């Protein structure tokens, strides 16, 4: 449904932060009745632009028009008054409260006695109209990620949102939940609402959007009708070059067993069981992909293997040598490399230079140290080699790591880990949040290491990545392995059902 005046018009928006221009004169418009995708590399300015529309940031320059009227949005409260709602990537719900209580939090026009009664009728209406099914009496902590997202959408709709902004909305969802979300987005657009969603997943853009605006380095490089474009063109606009989507996975005959996990159980940080009787193996020249929605034991499994978490039962072996409850140092000496999920907190020391981060696991040995002193020339030579081999974009080896982009940070971590010539690489969400160019590079690198005989345990919530790289796929739900499938025979439907705990591999067969 097109109108002559766009529902949202952001004109010549400029937003500066210290040392960076996040939005450099962006003009963006969204129409009533459309799903509009906002696409771009890491740091392209997508979330900043939408945070300006939602009143979290104020622009340094530029104008905003809603329904043809110029407005000033000082805060999210102002945005809500104008009919603009936003669902953030990390949900902002109060976990000890019920769904109904979360929906009415902060509202002025609710009765003092039994305030949640007034929302039940609306919740039933939203469930009927948009498929947003959720129990109003359920506590937030009892809900899945998909259900929590529905609560966030309901909150925005309850406050009268005509424009709904979704920031990376499928990150925490199973494939089935993502499809349900897309159906909800389409229904809202058909009613005349505007849905703007930020994503780096090109297949989502093609599946659900009507139009797509592509940002690169803080500027708009194109706004297209989705039906008139394709993933290849969008990727080229995003990164400024051709991107290879379907990497060749050469046939490799797996060698001897490198990793064996036998009946391992472990607790999470709250002392609650997080791993329950997990068993798996990984061989030379093989990628075992771990699929699952976040929070189903993947992090605890990775930490148990890499010596960062004690197990309560079971055994872990590397090349036949038991390393159960041994230190991370022992795992390193046995040839275990680790690309952690949290790059800036666990993967490196942000205030240290690239060169210093590259020797974090070997600074106490030759050639980087001579007795009590570090060999600066050896460290520099090593850094220059890794920067060259892994194509790390940085002004100098002595540049602080915190100044690098997400993709370059990941290259530093991979360069350090692979320079140790490991037997086993444990890669946790290696391309999460990276743009298509960086993602292509990382995936190609993992396949190259597989061809050279490395054993790789890949943990990812991106099913496309799991299917593209894995030889076998293990699916986790509730701290258990629901089954291990040959990647050639697995389907998205089967894996998705296992991710949701609806079936095991035996039942699927």
Foldseek 3Di string as FASTA:
>chain_A
DADPDFQKWWFQFWADDVPATLAGGAIDTFHWLFEEEEEAFVSLNPVVVVCCLQQVDPTPDTWMDGRRHTDHRNHNVSNLVSQEAEAEPDGDFDQQAFLLCRLCPPPDPADPPPRSVVCPVVQVVCCVQQVLDDDRGHGNVVDAPLNSSSSSVSSSVVSRHLEYEYEQPCQQDFPVSVVSVLSSQNSSSNVGGYYYYYHQDQVVCLPRGQKYWYGERNYTPDIGGSVVDHSQVNQCSRPVHGFDDQDDQDDDDFDAWFKWWAQWWFAPPVRHTQAGGATDTWTWLFEEEEEARPRNNPQVVLCQQQLNGATPDTWMDGPNHTQHNNHNLVSVVSFEAEADPDLDPPQAPQQFFLLVRLCPNPCVHPPQDDVPGGDVVVSQVLLVVLCVVLVQDDPGSRHGNNPGGPLNSLSSSVSSRVVSVGQEYEYEASCPSGHSVSVSSVLVVVSVSSNVTHTYYYYHNDVVSCLSRGQKYFYGGNNYTLEIGGSVPDDSVVNSCVNVVNHGPVRVD
